[in-house]
Amino acid sequence: KNGYRVDYAQGALKYQLFLIPNASNEEAEKVFKKYRHFLESRKETILPLKKMGYRELVVKGKDEYAFQIGPFVGGILDSADLKEADAIMGEFIRHLRSAGAME
């Protein structure tokens, strides 16, 4: 799937963000479900969450975090600190909302 991926570093914390824009909310939901099913096929332990009108999931023990808001699917990979990842994702989502991402 076409999307964007970028490496970030904040001090000792290094991680990778990804964002996949889709044509519609429905298409984004399908992409998000497909990603979740892929993780399930790898026997990952997934903690699904729903916060403030968007979907997200955390892969327990794997440093992976994903969300779906409006037509966007995004996430963070390789973040060693779940609390920090949650803060980074919150900021990421706030930027999408301010840019007009619809839920």
Protein backbone atom coordinates (compact mmCIF):
# COMPACT_ATOMS: atom_id res chain seq x y z
CA LYS A 1 0.00 0.00 0.00
CA ASN A 2 1.27 3.48 -0.78
CA GLY A 3 2.12 5.53 2.24
CA TYR A 4 4.84 7.37 4.08
CA ARG A 5 7.43 6.16 6.57
CA VAL A 6 10.06 8.21 8.37
CA ASP A 7 12.68 7.54 11.04
CA TYR A 8 12.81 9.83 14.07
CA ALA A 9 15.13 10.22 17.02
CA GLN A 10 14.51 12.20 20.20
CA GLY A 11 17.56 11.86 22.40
CA ALA A 12 18.08 8.14 23.02
CA LEU A 13 14.55 7.32 21.78
CA LYS A 14 14.44 6.14 18.16
CA TYR A 15 11.31 5.10 16.32
CA GLN A 16 9.61 5.00 12.95
CA LEU A 17 6.29 6.66 12.04
CA PHE A 18 4.09 5.58 9.17
CA LEU A 19 1.02 7.12 7.56
CA ILE A 20 -1.19 5.67 4.84
CA PRO A 21 -3.75 8.08 3.34
CA ASN A 22 -6.82 6.37 1.86
CA ALA A 23 -9.60 7.55 -0.44
CA SER A 24 -12.28 7.21 2.25
CA ASN A 25 -12.92 6.37 5.89
CA GLU A 26 -14.29 3.00 4.79
CA GLU A 27 -11.15 2.15 2.84
CA ALA A 28 -9.00 3.16 5.84
CA GLU A 29 -11.09 0.90 8.07
CA LYS A 30 -10.48 -2.02 5.68
CA VAL A 31 -6.72 -1.32 5.68
CA PHE A 32 -6.69 -1.14 9.49
CA LYS A 33 -8.58 -4.45 9.76
CA LYS A 34 -6.25 -6.07 7.22
CA TYR A 35 -3.24 -4.97 9.30
CA ARG A 36 -4.86 -6.33 12.46
CA HIS A 37 -5.56 -9.66 10.73
CA PHE A 38 -1.96 -9.79 9.53
CA LEU A 39 -0.76 -9.32 13.12
CA GLU A 40 -3.18 -12.00 14.32
CA SER A 41 -1.83 -14.38 11.67
CA ARG A 42 1.61 -13.90 13.27
CA LYS A 43 0.05 -14.90 16.62
CA GLU A 44 0.71 -11.44 18.08
CA THR A 45 -1.13 -10.37 21.24
CA ILE A 46 -3.15 -7.33 20.22
CA LEU A 47 -4.70 -4.87 22.63
CA PRO A 48 -7.46 -3.07 20.69
CA LEU A 49 -8.40 0.36 22.02
CA LYS A 50 -10.86 3.07 21.06
CA LYS A 51 -10.02 6.59 22.16
CA MET A 52 -11.67 9.89 21.44
CA GLY A 53 -13.36 8.68 18.27
CA TYR A 54 -10.54 6.80 16.59
CA ARG A 55 -9.36 3.20 16.59
CA GLU A 56 -5.97 2.09 17.74
CA LEU A 57 -4.16 -1.05 18.67
CA VAL A 58 -1.04 -1.98 20.54
CA VAL A 59 0.94 -5.12 19.83
CA LYS A 60 1.92 -6.39 23.26
CA GLY A 61 5.66 -6.89 23.60
CA LYS A 62 6.45 -5.80 20.04
CA ASP A 63 6.84 -2.01 20.12
CA GLU A 64 4.11 -1.58 17.49
CA TYR A 65 1.20 0.81 17.71
CA ALA A 66 -1.35 1.66 15.00
CA PHE A 67 -4.40 3.87 14.60
CA GLN A 68 -7.15 4.67 12.13
CA ILE A 69 -8.72 8.11 12.08
CA GLY A 70 -10.88 9.17 9.18
CA PRO A 71 -9.18 8.22 5.92
CA PHE A 72 -5.78 7.72 7.56
CA VAL A 73 -4.04 4.66 8.97
CA GLY A 74 -0.81 5.34 10.80
CA GLY A 75 1.37 4.20 13.60
CA ILE A 76 4.70 3.91 15.27
CA LEU A 77 7.21 1.07 15.06
CA ASP A 78 10.27 0.28 17.14
CA SER A 79 9.35 2.48 20.08
CA ALA A 80 10.82 0.90 23.18
CA ASP A 81 8.57 2.91 25.51
CA LEU A 82 4.81 2.40 25.22
CA LYS A 83 4.04 5.49 27.30
CA GLU A 84 6.23 7.61 25.03
CA ALA A 85 4.68 5.99 21.94
CA ASP A 86 1.22 6.88 23.22
CA ALA A 87 2.29 10.52 23.64
CA ILE A 88 3.84 10.61 20.16
CA MET A 89 0.71 9.08 18.62
CA GLY A 90 -1.48 11.59 20.46
CA GLU A 91 0.52 14.43 18.92
CA PHE A 92 0.43 12.77 15.49
CA ILE A 93 -3.37 12.47 15.69
CA ARG A 94 -3.77 16.08 16.90
CA HIS A 95 -1.85 17.22 13.80
CA LEU A 96 -4.07 15.14 11.53
CA ARG A 97 -7.19 16.58 13.16
CA SER A 98 -5.93 20.13 12.81
CA ALA A 99 -5.18 19.40 9.13
CA GLY A 100 -8.81 18.34 8.64
CA ALA A 101 -8.76 14.55 9.05
CA MET A 102 -12.38 13.50 9.49
CA GLU A 103 -13.47 10.79 11.94
